[in-house]
Amino acid sequence: MEETMGMTDNQYKDFVEAMKEDLEELNEYKEAGEDERYVKKYGRIMERLEKSLNR
């Protein structure tokens, strides 16, 4: 059986808030036509999510 470590409510809220801010920034890049910054930020977001899923 695999043991999992959960987040506290505050840790989860912090994670969600950070993700929301990242997505807002990502949207700003897209609206401004800053494709290079968009792709770089998108990559960092996906990497962070992947790391979170693999813990």
C-alpha atoms as a PDB file:
ATOM      1  CA  MET A   1       0.000   0.000   0.000  1.00  0.00           C
ATOM      2  CA  GLU A   2       1.316   3.442  -0.954  1.00  0.00           C
ATOM      3  CA  GLU A   3       1.421   6.110   1.704  1.00  0.00           C
ATOM      4  CA  THR A   4       0.520   9.613   0.572  1.00  0.00           C
ATOM      5  CA  MET A   5       1.246  12.903   2.253  1.00  0.00           C
ATOM      6  CA  GLY A   6      -1.538  15.435   1.996  1.00  0.00           C
ATOM      7  CA  MET A   7      -1.471  19.187   2.114  1.00  0.00           C
ATOM      8  CA  THR A   8      -2.889  21.245   4.890  1.00  0.00           C
ATOM      9  CA  ASP A   9      -5.764  23.523   3.943  1.00  0.00           C
ATOM     10  CA  ASN A  10      -3.425  26.523   3.973  1.00  0.00           C
ATOM     11  CA  GLN A  11      -0.851  24.779   1.779  1.00  0.00           C
ATOM     12  CA  TYR A  12      -3.572  23.838  -0.689  1.00  0.00           C
ATOM     13  CA  LYS A  13      -4.938  27.387  -0.760  1.00  0.00           C
ATOM     14  CA  ASP A  14      -1.416  28.745  -1.324  1.00  0.00           C
ATOM     15  CA  PHE A  15      -0.898  26.282  -4.175  1.00  0.00           C
ATOM     16  CA  VAL A  16      -4.196  27.220  -5.812  1.00  0.00           C
ATOM     17  CA  GLU A  17      -3.505  30.954  -5.411  1.00  0.00           C
ATOM     18  CA  ALA A  18      -0.054  30.576  -6.986  1.00  0.00           C
ATOM     19  CA  MET A  19      -1.539  28.592  -9.871  1.00  0.00           C
ATOM     20  CA  LYS A  20      -4.226  31.247 -10.386  1.00  0.00           C
ATOM     21  CA  GLU A  21      -1.572  33.976 -10.527  1.00  0.00           C
ATOM     22  CA  ASP A  22       0.482  31.928 -12.987  1.00  0.00           C
ATOM     23  CA  LEU A  23      -2.536  31.420 -15.242  1.00  0.00           C
ATOM     24  CA  GLU A  24      -3.360  35.129 -15.142  1.00  0.00           C
ATOM     25  CA  GLU A  25       0.232  35.919 -16.130  1.00  0.00           C
ATOM     26  CA  LEU A  26       0.051  33.308 -18.885  1.00  0.00           C
ATOM     27  CA  ASN A  27      -3.106  34.933 -20.216  1.00  0.00           C
ATOM     28  CA  GLU A  28      -1.425  38.362 -20.197  1.00  0.00           C
ATOM     29  CA  TYR A  29       1.422  36.985 -22.313  1.00  0.00           C
ATOM     30  CA  LYS A  30      -1.037  35.477 -24.777  1.00  0.00           C
ATOM     31  CA  GLU A  31      -3.054  38.692 -25.063  1.00  0.00           C
ATOM     32  CA  ALA A  32       0.140  40.724 -25.587  1.00  0.00           C
ATOM     33  CA  GLY A  33       1.360  38.325 -28.278  1.00  0.00           C
ATOM     34  CA  GLU A  34       4.433  37.419 -26.245  1.00  0.00           C
ATOM     35  CA  ASP A  35       4.592  33.859 -27.521  1.00  0.00           C
ATOM     36  CA  GLU A  36       8.120  33.111 -26.306  1.00  0.00           C
ATOM     37  CA  ARG A  37       7.306  34.152 -22.729  1.00  0.00           C
ATOM     38  CA  TYR A  38       3.998  32.256 -22.955  1.00  0.00           C
ATOM     39  CA  VAL A  39       5.704  29.013 -23.984  1.00  0.00           C
ATOM     40  CA  LYS A  40       8.375  29.369 -21.286  1.00  0.00           C
ATOM     41  CA  LYS A  41       5.808  30.076 -18.533  1.00  0.00           C
ATOM     42  CA  TYR A  42       3.547  27.263 -19.743  1.00  0.00           C
ATOM     43  CA  GLY A  43       6.483  24.858 -19.563  1.00  0.00           C
ATOM     44  CA  ARG A  44       7.290  25.886 -15.985  1.00  0.00           C
ATOM     45  CA  ILE A  45       3.643  25.483 -14.922  1.00  0.00           C
ATOM     46  CA  MET A  46       3.409  22.018 -16.470  1.00  0.00           C
ATOM     47  CA  GLU A  47       6.716  20.983 -14.887  1.00  0.00           C
ATOM     48  CA  ARG A  48       5.540  22.104 -11.447  1.00  0.00           C
ATOM     49  CA  LEU A  49       2.247  20.245 -11.854  1.00  0.00           C
ATOM     50  CA  GLU A  50       4.056  17.114 -13.002  1.00  0.00           C
ATOM     51  CA  LYS A  51       6.350  17.253  -9.969  1.00  0.00           C
ATOM     52  CA  SER A  52       3.327  17.663  -7.699  1.00  0.00           C
ATOM     53  CA  LEU A  53       1.621  14.651  -9.230  1.00  0.00           C
ATOM     54  CA  ASN A  54       4.721  12.484  -8.860  1.00  0.00           C
ATOM     55  CA  ARG A  55       5.241  13.146  -5.136  1.00  0.00           C
END
